[in-house]
């Protein structure tokens, strides 16, 4: 079941994100990694050394949004093959007091390379 194994990479992404574990977070990705943001801007990161450190992302979210943690609310398979799965996901962002301040819908593409599942591309309406 490729869908089940591929979905584990998404859960691992959020677990590492919330744990502030940059190495584990990076290990949930495949490269080149593509992200399309809320403005339609495309970022292509060719390898792990080009990826923005997780601490920088989390510091930005904390400073500008009051971010404390994120939740993975839903994961729905759109298309699947033995080596690639498209997911429709929803995640939420929360402040330290537990109030949810943002809900985002995203399309994530998870691929199997070198025997492991990793996130290859993300398109979301999150800044």
PDB file of N, CA and C in Angstrom:
ATOM      1  N   UNK A   1       0.835  -1.187   0.000  1.00  0.00           N
ATOM      2  CA  UNK A   1       0.000   0.000   0.000  1.00  0.00           C
ATOM      3  C   UNK A   1       0.881   1.252   0.000  1.00  0.00           C
ATOM      4  N   UNK A   2       1.153   1.775  -1.160  1.00  0.00           N
ATOM      5  CA  UNK A   2       2.009   2.944  -1.269  1.00  0.00           C
ATOM      6  C   UNK A   2       1.427   4.154  -0.549  1.00  0.00           C
ATOM      7  N   UNK A   3       0.097   4.274  -0.526  1.00  0.00           N
ATOM      8  CA  UNK A   3      -0.533   5.435   0.101  1.00  0.00           C
ATOM      9  C   UNK A   3      -0.227   5.513   1.586  1.00  0.00           C
ATOM     10  N   UNK A   4      -0.276   4.379   2.259  1.00  0.00           N
ATOM     11  CA  UNK A   4      -0.028   4.346   3.702  1.00  0.00           C
ATOM     12  C   UNK A   4       1.423   4.716   3.996  1.00  0.00           C
ATOM     13  N   UNK A   5       2.344   4.120   3.255  1.00  0.00           N
ATOM     14  CA  UNK A   5       3.763   4.404   3.474  1.00  0.00           C
ATOM     15  C   UNK A   5       4.094   5.854   3.117  1.00  0.00           C
ATOM     16  N   UNK A   6       3.539   6.357   2.037  1.00  0.00           N
ATOM     17  CA  UNK A   6       3.797   7.742   1.623  1.00  0.00           C
ATOM     18  C   UNK A   6       3.251   8.733   2.647  1.00  0.00           C
ATOM     19  N   UNK A   7       2.095   8.441   3.213  1.00  0.00           N
ATOM     20  CA  UNK A   7       1.485   9.332   4.209  1.00  0.00           C
ATOM     21  C   UNK A   7       2.345   9.443   5.457  1.00  0.00           C
ATOM     22  N   UNK A   8       3.129   8.427   5.748  1.00  0.00           N
ATOM     23  CA  UNK A   8       4.015   8.474   6.914  1.00  0.00           C
ATOM     24  C   UNK A   8       5.047   9.595   6.778  1.00  0.00           C
ATOM     25  N   UNK A   9       5.465   9.903   5.560  1.00  0.00           N
ATOM     26  CA  UNK A   9       6.412  11.000   5.343  1.00  0.00           C
ATOM     27  C   UNK A   9       5.779  12.341   5.713  1.00  0.00           C
ATOM     28  N   UNK A  10       4.495  12.492   5.424  1.00  0.00           N
ATOM     29  CA  UNK A  10       3.796  13.736   5.767  1.00  0.00           C
ATOM     30  C   UNK A  10       3.679  13.873   7.277  1.00  0.00           C
ATOM     31  N   UNK A  11       3.283  12.793   7.948  1.00  0.00           N
ATOM     32  CA  UNK A  11       3.184  12.838   9.408  1.00  0.00           C
ATOM     33  C   UNK A  11       4.547  13.138  10.024  1.00  0.00           C
ATOM     34  N   UNK A  12       5.595  12.500   9.500  1.00  0.00           N
ATOM     35  CA  UNK A  12       6.944  12.731  10.009  1.00  0.00           C
ATOM     36  C   UNK A  12       7.366  14.186   9.823  1.00  0.00           C
ATOM     37  N   UNK A  13       6.943  14.806   8.708  1.00  0.00           N
ATOM     38  CA  UNK A  13       7.232  16.222   8.451  1.00  0.00           C
ATOM     39  C   UNK A  13       6.678  17.077   9.590  1.00  0.00           C
ATOM     40  N   UNK A  14       5.404  16.875   9.922  1.00  0.00           N
ATOM     41  CA  UNK A  14       4.779  17.682  10.968  1.00  0.00           C
ATOM     42  C   UNK A  14       5.345  17.363  12.346  1.00  0.00           C
ATOM     43  N   UNK A  15       5.659  16.110  12.617  1.00  0.00           N
ATOM     44  CA  UNK A  15       6.270  15.739  13.897  1.00  0.00           C
ATOM     45  C   UNK A  15       7.614  16.443  14.071  1.00  0.00           C
ATOM     46  N   UNK A  16       8.443  16.412  13.036  1.00  0.00           N
ATOM     47  CA  UNK A  16       9.756  17.057  13.106  1.00  0.00           C
ATOM     48  C   UNK A  16       9.617  18.575  13.185  1.00  0.00           C
ATOM     49  N   UNK A  17       8.674  19.130  12.439  1.00  0.00           N
ATOM     50  CA  UNK A  17       8.420  20.576  12.440  1.00  0.00           C
ATOM     51  C   UNK A  17       8.092  21.040  13.857  1.00  0.00           C
ATOM     52  N   UNK A  18       7.152  20.367  14.480  1.00  0.00           N
ATOM     53  CA  UNK A  18       6.734  20.751  15.832  1.00  0.00           C
ATOM     54  C   UNK A  18       7.801  20.484  16.880  1.00  0.00           C
ATOM     55  N   UNK A  19       8.659  19.509  16.654  1.00  0.00           N
ATOM     56  CA  UNK A  19       9.736  19.183  17.588  1.00  0.00           C
ATOM     57  C   UNK A  19      10.973  20.063  17.369  1.00  0.00           C
ATOM     58  N   UNK A  20      10.915  20.930  16.348  1.00  0.00           N
ATOM     59  CA  UNK A  20      12.044  21.804  15.999  1.00  0.00           C
ATOM     60  C   UNK A  20      13.274  20.968  15.654  1.00  0.00           C
ATOM     61  N   UNK A  21      13.053  19.832  15.032  1.00  0.00           N
ATOM     62  CA  UNK A  21      14.131  18.902  14.693  1.00  0.00           C
ATOM     63  C   UNK A  21      14.484  19.062  13.216  1.00  0.00           C
ATOM     64  N   UNK A  22      15.448  19.920  12.949  1.00  0.00           N
ATOM     65  CA  UNK A  22      15.817  20.251  11.581  1.00  0.00           C
ATOM     66  C   UNK A  22      16.303  19.066  10.767  1.00  0.00           C
ATOM     67  N   UNK A  23      17.096  18.190  11.376  1.00  0.00           N
ATOM     68  CA  UNK A  23      17.614  17.037  10.646  1.00  0.00           C
ATOM     69  C   UNK A  23      16.492  16.073  10.269  1.00  0.00           C
ATOM     70  N   UNK A  24      15.614  15.771  11.214  1.00  0.00           N
ATOM     71  CA  UNK A  24      14.485  14.873  10.922  1.00  0.00           C
ATOM     72  C   UNK A  24      13.563  15.493   9.886  1.00  0.00           C
ATOM     73  N   UNK A  25      13.350  16.798   9.986  1.00  0.00           N
ATOM     74  CA  UNK A  25      12.494  17.507   9.030  1.00  0.00           C
ATOM     75  C   UNK A  25      13.077  17.419   7.626  1.00  0.00           C
ATOM     76  N   UNK A  26      14.359  17.651   7.502  1.00  0.00           N
ATOM     77  CA  UNK A  26      15.026  17.581   6.203  1.00  0.00           C
ATOM     78  C   UNK A  26      14.942  16.167   5.623  1.00  0.00           C
ATOM     79  N   UNK A  27      14.987  15.169   6.476  1.00  0.00           N
ATOM     80  CA  UNK A  27      14.919  13.777   6.025  1.00  0.00           C
ATOM     81  C   UNK A  27      13.545  13.369   5.517  1.00  0.00           C
ATOM     82  N   UNK A  28      12.549  14.223   5.659  1.00  0.00           N
ATOM     83  CA  UNK A  28      11.225  13.920   5.108  1.00  0.00           C
ATOM     84  C   UNK A  28      11.099  14.372   3.658  1.00  0.00           C
ATOM     85  N   UNK A  29      12.109  15.046   3.142  1.00  0.00           N
ATOM     86  CA  UNK A  29      12.084  15.613   1.791  1.00  0.00           C
ATOM     87  C   UNK A  29      12.872  14.756   0.799  1.00  0.00           C
ATOM     88  N   UNK A  30      12.520  14.940  -0.478  1.00  0.00           N
ATOM     89  CA  UNK A  30      13.356  14.502  -1.587  1.00  0.00           C
ATOM     90  C   UNK A  30      13.744  15.754  -2.363  1.00  0.00           C
ATOM     91  N   UNK A  31      14.880  15.686  -3.023  1.00  0.00           N
ATOM     92  CA  UNK A  31      15.390  16.806  -3.803  1.00  0.00           C
ATOM     93  C   UNK A  31      15.610  16.371  -5.236  1.00  0.00           C
ATOM     94  N   UNK A  32      15.426  17.304  -6.190  1.00  0.00           N
ATOM     95  CA  UNK A  32      14.996  18.677  -5.940  1.00  0.00           C
ATOM     96  C   UNK A  32      13.596  18.708  -5.326  1.00  0.00           C
ATOM     97  N   UNK A  33      13.413  19.715  -4.478  1.00  0.00           N
ATOM     98  CA  UNK A  33      12.139  19.893  -3.788  1.00  0.00           C
ATOM     99  C   UNK A  33      11.495  21.170  -4.327  1.00  0.00           C
ATOM    100  N   UNK A  34      10.208  21.085  -4.622  1.00  0.00           N
ATOM    101  CA  UNK A  34       9.490  22.212  -5.223  1.00  0.00           C
ATOM    102  C   UNK A  34       8.406  22.684  -4.271  1.00  0.00           C
ATOM    103  N   UNK A  35       8.322  24.010  -4.082  1.00  0.00           N
ATOM    104  CA  UNK A  35       7.229  24.573  -3.293  1.00  0.00           C
ATOM    105  C   UNK A  35       6.644  25.755  -4.058  1.00  0.00           C
ATOM    106  N   UNK A  36       5.314  25.746  -4.171  1.00  0.00           N
ATOM    107  CA  UNK A  36       4.579  26.862  -4.778  1.00  0.00           C
ATOM    108  C   UNK A  36       3.783  27.504  -3.652  1.00  0.00           C
ATOM    109  N   UNK A  37       4.035  28.799  -3.394  1.00  0.00           N
ATOM    110  CA  UNK A  37       3.394  29.444  -2.248  1.00  0.00           C
ATOM    111  C   UNK A  37       2.064  30.101  -2.610  1.00  0.00           C
ATOM    112  N   UNK A  38       1.518  30.836  -1.647  1.00  0.00           N
ATOM    113  CA  UNK A  38       0.203  31.458  -1.803  1.00  0.00           C
ATOM    114  C   UNK A  38       0.151  32.511  -2.899  1.00  0.00           C
ATOM    115  N   UNK A  39       1.288  33.032  -3.313  1.00  0.00           N
ATOM    116  CA  UNK A  39       1.341  34.048  -4.370  1.00  0.00           C
ATOM    117  C   UNK A  39       1.680  33.436  -5.729  1.00  0.00           C
ATOM    118  N   UNK A  40       1.809  32.107  -5.759  1.00  0.00           N
ATOM    119  CA  UNK A  40       2.156  31.431  -7.006  1.00  0.00           C
ATOM    120  C   UNK A  40       3.636  31.417  -7.302  1.00  0.00           C
ATOM    121  N   UNK A  41       4.450  31.880  -6.352  1.00  0.00           N
ATOM    122  CA  UNK A  41       5.897  31.872  -6.542  1.00  0.00           C
ATOM    123  C   UNK A  41       6.414  30.446  -6.375  1.00  0.00           C
ATOM    124  N   UNK A  42       7.319  30.065  -7.252  1.00  0.00           N
ATOM    125  CA  UNK A  42       7.866  28.710  -7.256  1.00  0.00           C
ATOM    126  C   UNK A  42       9.296  28.747  -6.738  1.00  0.00           C
ATOM    127  N   UNK A  43       9.553  27.909  -5.737  1.00  0.00           N
ATOM    128  CA  UNK A  43      10.915  27.741  -5.225  1.00  0.00           C
ATOM    129  C   UNK A  43      11.336  26.306  -5.512  1.00  0.00           C
ATOM    130  N   UNK A  44      12.500  26.162  -6.126  1.00  0.00           N
ATOM    131  CA  UNK A  44      13.053  24.835  -6.393  1.00  0.00           C
ATOM    132  C   UNK A  44      14.379  24.753  -5.653  1.00  0.00           C
ATOM    133  N   UNK A  45      14.430  23.850  -4.694  1.00  0.00           N
ATOM    134  CA  UNK A  45      15.640  23.635  -3.907  1.00  0.00           C
ATOM    135  C   UNK A  45      16.297  22.374  -4.451  1.00  0.00           C
ATOM    136  N   UNK A  46      17.484  22.532  -4.992  1.00  0.00           N
ATOM    137  CA  UNK A  46      18.146  21.431  -5.691  1.00  0.00           C
ATOM    138  C   UNK A  46      18.667  20.338  -4.769  1.00  0.00           C
ATOM    139  N   UNK A  47      19.126  20.721  -3.576  1.00  0.00           N
ATOM    140  CA  UNK A  47      19.671  19.719  -2.651  1.00  0.00           C
ATOM    141  C   UNK A  47      19.523  20.198  -1.218  1.00  0.00           C
ATOM    142  N   UNK A  48      19.795  19.309  -0.282  1.00  0.00           N
ATOM    143  CA  UNK A  48      19.582  19.601   1.142  1.00  0.00           C
ATOM    144  C   UNK A  48      20.393  20.797   1.615  1.00  0.00           C
ATOM    145  N   UNK A  49      21.579  21.004   1.069  1.00  0.00           N
ATOM    146  CA  UNK A  49      22.416  22.117   1.523  1.00  0.00           C
ATOM    147  C   UNK A  49      21.832  23.481   1.150  1.00  0.00           C
ATOM    148  N   UNK A  50      20.944  23.529   0.155  1.00  0.00           N
ATOM    149  CA  UNK A  50      20.296  24.783  -0.247  1.00  0.00           C
ATOM    150  C   UNK A  50      19.023  25.064   0.540  1.00  0.00           C
ATOM    151  N   UNK A  51      18.540  24.078   1.297  1.00  0.00           N
ATOM    152  CA  UNK A  51      17.263  24.208   1.992  1.00  0.00           C
ATOM    153  C   UNK A  51      17.398  25.169   3.166  1.00  0.00           C
ATOM    154  N   UNK A  52      16.443  26.063   3.334  1.00  0.00           N
ATOM    155  CA  UNK A  52      16.446  27.020   4.430  1.00  0.00           C
ATOM    156  C   UNK A  52      16.369  26.272   5.757  1.00  0.00           C
ATOM    157  N   UNK A  53      17.257  26.549   6.700  1.00  0.00           N
ATOM    158  CA  UNK A  53      17.224  25.825   7.979  1.00  0.00           C
ATOM    159  C   UNK A  53      15.869  25.964   8.679  1.00  0.00           C
ATOM    160  N   UNK A  54      15.434  24.880   9.294  1.00  0.00           N
ATOM    161  CA  UNK A  54      14.132  24.869   9.957  1.00  0.00           C
ATOM    162  C   UNK A  54      14.037  25.949  11.024  1.00  0.00           C
ATOM    163  N   UNK A  55      15.106  26.185  11.768  1.00  0.00           N
ATOM    164  CA  UNK A  55      15.067  27.223  12.804  1.00  0.00           C
ATOM    165  C   UNK A  55      14.698  28.585  12.219  1.00  0.00           C
ATOM    166  N   UNK A  56      15.188  28.883  11.018  1.00  0.00           N
ATOM    167  CA  UNK A  56      14.861  30.162  10.373  1.00  0.00           C
ATOM    168  C   UNK A  56      13.378  30.258  10.071  1.00  0.00           C
ATOM    169  N   UNK A  57      12.808  29.162   9.580  1.00  0.00           N
ATOM    170  CA  UNK A  57      11.371  29.135   9.263  1.00  0.00           C
ATOM    171  C   UNK A  57      10.557  29.301  10.543  1.00  0.00           C
ATOM    172  N   UNK A  58      10.907  28.534  11.571  1.00  0.00           N
ATOM    173  CA  UNK A  58      10.148  28.585  12.819  1.00  0.00           C
ATOM    174  C   UNK A  58      10.276  29.930  13.505  1.00  0.00           C
ATOM    175  N   UNK A  59      11.463  30.534  13.481  1.00  0.00           N
ATOM    176  CA  UNK A  59      11.640  31.867  14.059  1.00  0.00           C
ATOM    177  C   UNK A  59      10.774  32.891  13.338  1.00  0.00           C
ATOM    178  N   UNK A  60      10.714  32.789  12.018  1.00  0.00           N
ATOM    179  CA  UNK A  60       9.875  33.698  11.239  1.00  0.00           C
ATOM    180  C   UNK A  60       8.402  33.528  11.621  1.00  0.00           C
ATOM    181  N   UNK A  61       7.926  32.283  11.643  1.00  0.00           N
ATOM    182  CA  UNK A  61       6.523  32.030  11.981  1.00  0.00           C
ATOM    183  C   UNK A  61       6.193  32.521  13.386  1.00  0.00           C
ATOM    184  N   UNK A  62       7.093  32.291  14.310  1.00  0.00           N
ATOM    185  CA  UNK A  62       6.860  32.716  15.690  1.00  0.00           C
ATOM    186  C   UNK A  62       6.801  34.234  15.785  1.00  0.00           C
ATOM    187  N   UNK A  63       7.747  34.899  15.156  1.00  0.00           N
ATOM    188  CA  UNK A  63       7.822  36.362  15.223  1.00  0.00           C
ATOM    189  C   UNK A  63       6.663  37.044  14.497  1.00  0.00           C
ATOM    190  N   UNK A  64       6.321  36.555  13.297  1.00  0.00           N
ATOM    191  CA  UNK A  64       5.336  37.243  12.466  1.00  0.00           C
ATOM    192  C   UNK A  64       3.905  36.750  12.635  1.00  0.00           C
ATOM    193  N   UNK A  65       3.745  35.526  13.129  1.00  0.00           N
ATOM    194  CA  UNK A  65       2.393  34.972  13.257  1.00  0.00           C
ATOM    195  C   UNK A  65       2.050  34.563  14.683  1.00  0.00           C
ATOM    196  N   UNK A  66       3.026  34.553  15.563  1.00  0.00           N
ATOM    197  CA  UNK A  66       2.786  34.058  16.908  1.00  0.00           C
ATOM    198  C   UNK A  66       2.651  32.538  16.943  1.00  0.00           C
ATOM    199  N   UNK A  67       3.235  31.872  15.935  1.00  0.00           N
ATOM    200  CA  UNK A  67       3.131  30.425  15.794  1.00  0.00           C
ATOM    201  C   UNK A  67       3.705  29.702  17.000  1.00  0.00           C
ATOM    202  N   UNK A  68       3.027  28.627  17.390  1.00  0.00           N
ATOM    203  CA  UNK A  68       3.528  27.749  18.440  1.00  0.00           C
ATOM    204  C   UNK A  68       3.654  26.312  17.945  1.00  0.00           C
ATOM    205  N   UNK A  69       2.645  25.850  17.207  1.00  0.00           N
ATOM    206  CA  UNK A  69       2.691  24.502  16.640  1.00  0.00           C
ATOM    207  C   UNK A  69       1.676  24.390  15.506  1.00  0.00           C
ATOM    208  N   UNK A  70       1.806  23.313  14.748  1.00  0.00           N
ATOM    209  CA  UNK A  70       0.890  23.040  13.637  1.00  0.00           C
ATOM    210  C   UNK A  70       0.300  21.646  13.817  1.00  0.00           C
ATOM    211  N   UNK A  71      -0.890  21.459  13.260  1.00  0.00           N
ATOM    212  CA  UNK A  71      -1.508  20.131  13.268  1.00  0.00           C
ATOM    213  C   UNK A  71      -1.815  19.710  11.846  1.00  0.00           C
ATOM    214  N   UNK A  72      -1.699  18.434  11.616  1.00  0.00           N
ATOM    215  CA  UNK A  72      -2.096  17.848  10.344  1.00  0.00           C
ATOM    216  C   UNK A  72      -3.533  17.393  10.525  1.00  0.00           C
ATOM    217  N   UNK A  73      -4.470  18.103   9.908  1.00  0.00           N
ATOM    218  CA  UNK A  73      -5.894  17.879  10.148  1.00  0.00           C
ATOM    219  C   UNK A  73      -6.484  16.782   9.279  1.00  0.00           C
ATOM    220  N   UNK A  74      -6.063  16.717   8.029  1.00  0.00           N
ATOM    221  CA  UNK A  74      -6.592  15.684   7.144  1.00  0.00           C
ATOM    222  C   UNK A  74      -5.597  15.382   6.035  1.00  0.00           C
ATOM    223  N   UNK A  75      -5.620  14.125   5.603  1.00  0.00           N
ATOM    224  CA  UNK A  75      -4.756  13.645   4.525  1.00  0.00           C
ATOM    225  C   UNK A  75      -5.622  12.775   3.628  1.00  0.00           C
ATOM    226  N   UNK A  76      -5.786  13.196   2.380  1.00  0.00           N
ATOM    227  CA  UNK A  76      -6.635  12.469   1.435  1.00  0.00           C
ATOM    228  C   UNK A  76      -5.827  12.135   0.186  1.00  0.00           C
ATOM    229  N   UNK A  77      -5.845  10.891  -0.199  1.00  0.00           N
ATOM    230  CA  UNK A  77      -5.160  10.469  -1.412  1.00  0.00           C
ATOM    231  C   UNK A  77      -5.977  10.908  -2.621  1.00  0.00           C
ATOM    232  N   UNK A  78      -5.315  11.551  -3.568  1.00  0.00           N
ATOM    233  CA  UNK A  78      -5.963  11.959  -4.814  1.00  0.00           C
ATOM    234  C   UNK A  78      -5.638  10.954  -5.915  1.00  0.00           C
ATOM    235  N   UNK A  79      -4.351  10.660  -6.075  1.00  0.00           N
ATOM    236  CA  UNK A  79      -3.865   9.702  -7.071  1.00  0.00           C
ATOM    237  C   UNK A  79      -2.712   8.944  -6.437  1.00  0.00           C
ATOM    238  N   UNK A  80      -2.529   7.682  -6.840  1.00  0.00           N
ATOM    239  CA  UNK A  80      -1.426   6.906  -6.283  1.00  0.00           C
ATOM    240  C   UNK A  80      -0.887   5.908  -7.291  1.00  0.00           C
ATOM    241  N   UNK A  81       0.420   5.720  -7.216  1.00  0.00           N
ATOM    242  CA  UNK A  81       1.099   4.664  -7.968  1.00  0.00           C
ATOM    243  C   UNK A  81       2.118   4.061  -6.995  1.00  0.00           C
ATOM    244  N   UNK A  82       2.812   3.026  -7.398  1.00  0.00           N
ATOM    245  CA  UNK A  82       3.810   2.445  -6.498  1.00  0.00           C
ATOM    246  C   UNK A  82       4.979   3.381  -6.147  1.00  0.00           C
ATOM    247  N   UNK A  83       5.170   4.457  -6.921  1.00  0.00           N
ATOM    248  CA  UNK A  83       6.308   5.352  -6.668  1.00  0.00           C
ATOM    249  C   UNK A  83       5.938   6.820  -6.459  1.00  0.00           C
ATOM    250  N   UNK A  84       4.640   7.151  -6.535  1.00  0.00           N
ATOM    251  CA  UNK A  84       4.244   8.549  -6.374  1.00  0.00           C
ATOM    252  C   UNK A  84       2.810   8.610  -5.883  1.00  0.00           C
ATOM    253  N   UNK A  85       2.566   9.507  -4.898  1.00  0.00           N
ATOM    254  CA  UNK A  85       1.215   9.703  -4.388  1.00  0.00           C
ATOM    255  C   UNK A  85       0.952  11.204  -4.288  1.00  0.00           C
ATOM    256  N   UNK A  86      -0.204  11.620  -4.795  1.00  0.00           N
ATOM    257  CA  UNK A  86      -0.666  13.001  -4.646  1.00  0.00           C
ATOM    258  C   UNK A  86      -1.642  13.035  -3.467  1.00  0.00           C
ATOM    259  N   UNK A  87      -1.432  13.996  -2.571  1.00  0.00           N
ATOM    260  CA  UNK A  87      -2.279  14.127  -1.389  1.00  0.00           C
ATOM    261  C   UNK A  87      -2.919  15.507  -1.338  1.00  0.00           C
ATOM    262  N   UNK A  88      -4.161  15.545  -0.930  1.00  0.00           N
ATOM    263  CA  UNK A  88      -4.838  16.774  -0.554  1.00  0.00           C
ATOM    264  C   UNK A  88      -4.757  16.804   0.967  1.00  0.00           C
ATOM    265  N   UNK A  89      -4.069  17.796   1.516  1.00  0.00           N
ATOM    266  CA  UNK A  89      -3.963  17.856   2.966  1.00  0.00           C
ATOM    267  C   UNK A  89      -4.511  19.172   3.485  1.00  0.00           C
ATOM    268  N   UNK A  90      -4.876  19.148   4.740  1.00  0.00           N
ATOM    269  CA  UNK A  90      -5.253  20.365   5.463  1.00  0.00           C
ATOM    270  C   UNK A  90      -4.443  20.389   6.744  1.00  0.00           C
ATOM    271  N   UNK A  91      -3.844  21.546   7.018  1.00  0.00           N
ATOM    272  CA  UNK A  91      -3.142  21.708   8.287  1.00  0.00           C
ATOM    273  C   UNK A  91      -3.527  23.037   8.910  1.00  0.00           C
ATOM    274  N   UNK A  92      -3.352  23.112  10.229  1.00  0.00           N
ATOM    275  CA  UNK A  92      -3.687  24.322  10.974  1.00  0.00           C
ATOM    276  C   UNK A  92      -2.484  24.796  11.755  1.00  0.00           C
ATOM    277  N   UNK A  93      -2.453  26.102  11.990  1.00  0.00           N
ATOM    278  CA  UNK A  93      -1.407  26.715  12.810  1.00  0.00           C
ATOM    279  C   UNK A  93      -2.050  27.277  14.081  1.00  0.00           C
ATOM    280  N   UNK A  94      -1.329  27.117  15.181  1.00  0.00           N
ATOM    281  CA  UNK A  94      -1.832  27.508  16.498  1.00  0.00           C
ATOM    282  C   UNK A  94      -0.841  28.409  17.208  1.00  0.00           C
ATOM    283  N   UNK A  95      -1.388  29.263  18.074  1.00  0.00           N
ATOM    284  CA  UNK A  95      -0.573  30.084  18.957  1.00  0.00           C
ATOM    285  C   UNK A  95      -0.380  29.347  20.277  1.00  0.00           C
ATOM    286  N   UNK A  96       0.472  29.873  21.133  1.00  0.00           N
ATOM    287  CA  UNK A  96       0.815  29.204  22.392  1.00  0.00           C
ATOM    288  C   UNK A  96      -0.396  29.004  23.301  1.00  0.00           C
ATOM    289  N   UNK A  97      -1.395  29.882  23.194  1.00  0.00           N
ATOM    290  CA  UNK A  97      -2.579  29.742  24.052  1.00  0.00           C
ATOM    291  C   UNK A  97      -3.556  28.690  23.535  1.00  0.00           C
ATOM    292  N   UNK A  98      -3.186  28.025  22.444  1.00  0.00           N
ATOM    293  CA  UNK A  98      -4.025  26.975  21.883  1.00  0.00           C
ATOM    294  C   UNK A  98      -5.035  27.458  20.861  1.00  0.00           C
ATOM    295  N   UNK A  99      -5.028  28.748  20.564  1.00  0.00           N
ATOM    296  CA  UNK A  99      -5.989  29.261  19.582  1.00  0.00           C
ATOM    297  C   UNK A  99      -5.475  29.010  18.164  1.00  0.00           C
ATOM    298  N   UNK A 100      -6.366  28.493  17.332  1.00  0.00           N
ATOM    299  CA  UNK A 100      -6.023  28.266  15.930  1.00  0.00           C
ATOM    300  C   UNK A 100      -6.175  29.589  15.189  1.00  0.00           C
ATOM    301  N   UNK A 101      -5.146  29.978  14.459  1.00  0.00           N
ATOM    302  CA  UNK A 101      -5.201  31.243  13.740  1.00  0.00           C
ATOM    303  C   UNK A 101      -5.137  31.080  12.224  1.00  0.00           C
ATOM    304  N   UNK A 102      -4.858  29.863  11.742  1.00  0.00           N
ATOM    305  CA  UNK A 102      -4.793  29.672  10.290  1.00  0.00           C
ATOM    306  C   UNK A 102      -5.098  28.225   9.943  1.00  0.00           C
ATOM    307  N   UNK A 103      -5.827  28.051   8.836  1.00  0.00           N
ATOM    308  CA  UNK A 103      -6.086  26.731   8.265  1.00  0.00           C
ATOM    309  C   UNK A 103      -5.657  26.807   6.805  1.00  0.00           C
ATOM    310  N   UNK A 104      -4.837  25.852   6.385  1.00  0.00           N
ATOM    311  CA  UNK A 104      -4.315  25.869   5.019  1.00  0.00           C
ATOM    312  C   UNK A 104      -4.610  24.548   4.315  1.00  0.00           C
ATOM    313  N   UNK A 105      -4.946  24.652   3.048  1.00  0.00           N
ATOM    314  CA  UNK A 105      -5.169  23.494   2.186  1.00  0.00           C
ATOM    315  C   UNK A 105      -3.989  23.408   1.223  1.00  0.00           C
ATOM    316  N   UNK A 106      -3.528  22.197   0.987  1.00  0.00           N
ATOM    317  CA  UNK A 106      -2.332  22.021   0.170  1.00  0.00           C
ATOM    318  C   UNK A 106      -2.406  20.753  -0.670  1.00  0.00           C
ATOM    319  N   UNK A 107      -1.665  20.783  -1.753  1.00  0.00           N
ATOM    320  CA  UNK A 107      -1.423  19.604  -2.572  1.00  0.00           C
ATOM    321  C   UNK A 107       0.030  19.220  -2.337  1.00  0.00           C
ATOM    322  N   UNK A 108       0.259  17.999  -1.870  1.00  0.00           N
ATOM    323  CA  UNK A 108       1.613  17.506  -1.638  1.00  0.00           C
ATOM    324  C   UNK A 108       1.835  16.292  -2.517  1.00  0.00           C
ATOM    325  N   UNK A 109       3.027  16.201  -3.067  1.00  0.00           N
ATOM    326  CA  UNK A 109       3.413  15.049  -3.873  1.00  0.00           C
ATOM    327  C   UNK A 109       4.557  14.351  -3.160  1.00  0.00           C
ATOM    328  N   UNK A 110       4.331  13.086  -2.854  1.00  0.00           N
ATOM    329  CA  UNK A 110       5.312  12.277  -2.129  1.00  0.00           C
ATOM    330  C   UNK A 110       5.792  11.183  -3.080  1.00  0.00           C
ATOM    331  N   UNK A 111       7.109  11.023  -3.164  1.00  0.00           N
ATOM    332  CA  UNK A 111       7.683  10.051  -4.101  1.00  0.00           C
ATOM    333  C   UNK A 111       8.568   9.044  -3.361  1.00  0.00           C
ATOM    334  N   UNK A 112       8.723   7.897  -4.000  1.00  0.00           N
ATOM    335  CA  UNK A 112       9.613   6.863  -3.467  1.00  0.00           C
ATOM    336  C   UNK A 112      10.887   6.863  -4.300  1.00  0.00           C
ATOM    337  N   UNK A 113      12.005   7.159  -3.650  1.00  0.00           N
ATOM    338  CA  UNK A 113      13.319   7.190  -4.286  1.00  0.00           C
ATOM    339  C   UNK A 113      14.305   6.486  -3.372  1.00  0.00           C
ATOM    340  N   UNK A 114      15.165   5.708  -3.952  1.00  0.00           N
ATOM    341  CA  UNK A 114      16.207   5.027  -3.175  1.00  0.00           C
ATOM    342  C   UNK A 114      15.634   4.279  -1.971  1.00  0.00           C
ATOM    343  N   UNK A 115      14.446   3.701  -2.171  1.00  0.00           N
ATOM    344  CA  UNK A 115      13.852   2.865  -1.142  1.00  0.00           C
ATOM    345  C   UNK A 115      13.145   3.583  -0.014  1.00  0.00           C
ATOM    346  N   UNK A 116      12.958   4.897  -0.120  1.00  0.00           N
ATOM    347  CA  UNK A 116      12.233   5.605   0.942  1.00  0.00           C
ATOM    348  C   UNK A 116      11.287   6.645   0.352  1.00  0.00           C
ATOM    349  N   UNK A 117      10.223   6.921   1.082  1.00  0.00           N
ATOM    350  CA  UNK A 117       9.233   7.922   0.699  1.00  0.00           C
ATOM    351  C   UNK A 117       9.657   9.283   1.235  1.00  0.00           C
ATOM    352  N   UNK A 118       9.533  10.307   0.388  1.00  0.00           N
ATOM    353  CA  UNK A 118       9.864  11.668   0.789  1.00  0.00           C
ATOM    354  C   UNK A 118       8.991  12.662   0.045  1.00  0.00           C
ATOM    355  N   UNK A 119       8.851  13.824   0.615  1.00  0.00           N
ATOM    356  CA  UNK A 119       8.027  14.884   0.032  1.00  0.00           C
ATOM    357  C   UNK A 119       8.835  15.547  -1.082  1.00  0.00           C
ATOM    358  N   UNK A 120       8.283  15.505  -2.287  1.00  0.00           N
ATOM    359  CA  UNK A 120       8.976  16.037  -3.466  1.00  0.00           C
ATOM    360  C   UNK A 120       8.474  17.439  -3.824  1.00  0.00           C
ATOM    361  N   UNK A 121       7.178  17.680  -3.600  1.00  0.00           N
ATOM    362  CA  UNK A 121       6.602  18.967  -4.008  1.00  0.00           C
ATOM    363  C   UNK A 121       5.425  19.317  -3.106  1.00  0.00           C
ATOM    364  N   UNK A 122       5.274  20.635  -2.893  1.00  0.00           N
ATOM    365  CA  UNK A 122       4.151  21.147  -2.096  1.00  0.00           C
ATOM    366  C   UNK A 122       3.609  22.392  -2.775  1.00  0.00           C
ATOM    367  N   UNK A 123       2.311  22.472  -2.858  1.00  0.00           N
ATOM    368  CA  UNK A 123       1.654  23.675  -3.347  1.00  0.00           C
ATOM    369  C   UNK A 123       0.580  24.027  -2.332  1.00  0.00           C
ATOM    370  N   UNK A 124       0.738  25.201  -1.721  1.00  0.00           N
ATOM    371  CA  UNK A 124      -0.213  25.561  -0.676  1.00  0.00           C
ATOM    372  C   UNK A 124      -0.601  27.025  -0.764  1.00  0.00           C
ATOM    373  N   UNK A 125      -1.586  27.373   0.012  1.00  0.00           N
ATOM    374  CA  UNK A 125      -2.017  28.760   0.122  1.00  0.00           C
ATOM    375  C   UNK A 125      -1.464  29.398   1.373  1.00  0.00           C
ATOM    376  N   UNK A 126      -0.460  28.734   1.968  1.00  0.00           N
ATOM    377  CA  UNK A 126       0.221  29.292   3.127  1.00  0.00           C
ATOM    378  C   UNK A 126       1.336  30.199   2.641  1.00  0.00           C
ATOM    379  N   UNK A 127       1.542  31.300   3.335  1.00  0.00           N
ATOM    380  CA  UNK A 127       2.648  32.199   2.956  1.00  0.00           C
ATOM    381  C   UNK A 127       4.003  31.555   3.185  1.00  0.00           C
TER     382      UNK A 127
END
